[in-house]
Protein backbone atom coordinates (compact mmCIF):
# COMPACT_ATOMS: atom_id res chain seq x y z
CA MET A 1 -5.10 -14.39 -2.59
CA ALA A 2 -6.78 -12.70 0.46
CA GLU A 3 -9.16 -10.30 0.08
CA LYS A 4 -8.38 -6.67 0.26
CA LYS A 5 -9.94 -4.32 3.00
CA LYS A 6 -11.51 -1.09 1.67
CA PHE A 7 -11.16 2.55 3.19
CA LEU A 8 -11.37 6.22 2.76
CA LEU A 9 -8.05 8.11 2.72
CA ARG A 10 -8.02 11.77 3.24
CA ILE A 11 -4.73 12.77 1.87
CA ASP A 12 -3.30 16.39 1.19
CA GLU A 13 -3.27 17.12 -2.41
CA GLY A 14 0.45 17.62 -3.16
CA ILE A 15 0.94 14.46 -1.50
CA TYR A 16 -1.16 12.73 -3.51
CA SER A 17 -0.08 14.93 -6.48
CA ALA A 18 3.80 13.43 -5.84
CA LEU A 19 2.39 9.75 -5.33
CA GLU A 20 0.62 10.21 -8.62
CA LYS A 21 3.91 10.97 -10.62
CA TRP A 22 6.08 8.54 -8.39
CA ALA A 23 3.48 5.64 -9.30
CA ALA A 24 3.33 6.43 -13.03
CA ASP A 25 7.41 6.26 -13.24
CA GLU A 26 7.17 3.09 -11.76
CA LEU A 27 4.07 1.66 -14.13
CA ARG A 28 1.95 1.22 -11.05
CA SER A 29 -1.72 2.57 -9.75
CA ILE A 30 -1.72 4.98 -7.34
CA ASN A 31 -3.57 2.33 -5.21
CA ALA A 32 -0.59 -0.28 -5.58
CA GLN A 33 2.08 2.25 -5.37
CA MET A 34 0.81 2.94 -1.90
CA GLU A 35 0.58 -0.48 -0.83
CA PHE A 36 3.81 -1.11 -1.91
CA LEU A 37 5.13 1.66 -0.13
CA LEU A 38 3.52 1.14 3.26
CA LYS A 39 4.37 -2.75 2.74
CA GLU A 40 8.28 -1.59 2.72
CA ALA A 41 7.51 0.93 5.59
CA LEU A 42 6.07 -2.06 7.83
CA LYS A 43 9.21 -4.33 6.75
CA ASN A 44 11.65 -1.91 7.76
CA ALA A 45 10.29 -0.88 10.90
CA GLY A 46 10.23 -4.01 11.70
CA ARG A 47 6.43 -4.62 12.08
CA GLN A 48 5.69 -6.93 9.41
CA LYS A 49 7.51 -10.00 7.83
CA GLU A 50 8.55 -9.67 4.18
CA ASN A 51 5.60 -12.65 3.34
CA PRO A 52 3.23 -12.65 6.06
CA PRO A 53 0.97 -15.78 6.06
CA PRO A 54 -2.37 -14.91 4.26
CA THR A 55 -5.13 -14.02 6.83
CA PRO A 56 -8.07 -16.39 7.03
CA PRO A 57 -11.27 -15.13 5.46
CA GLU A 58 -13.66 -13.42 8.12
CA GLU A 59 -17.03 -15.60 8.64
C-alpha cells in the first residue's frame, strides 16, 4: 500500500461536527470518512478512476 501524504486542514467547526457524526454513524474515523468522501467526489467528477494504480515511492 502506498504511503499516505500528511497535511494540515483548517475546517469550519460546524462542518467538522457534521463529519464527525457521519463518520461515527458509518463506524469510520474522521480521517477515513473524509478520504472516502474525497475519493467518491473525484470518481463522480471523472477526475480519478475507481481503483487507480499505486503511485511509486518517492526517492
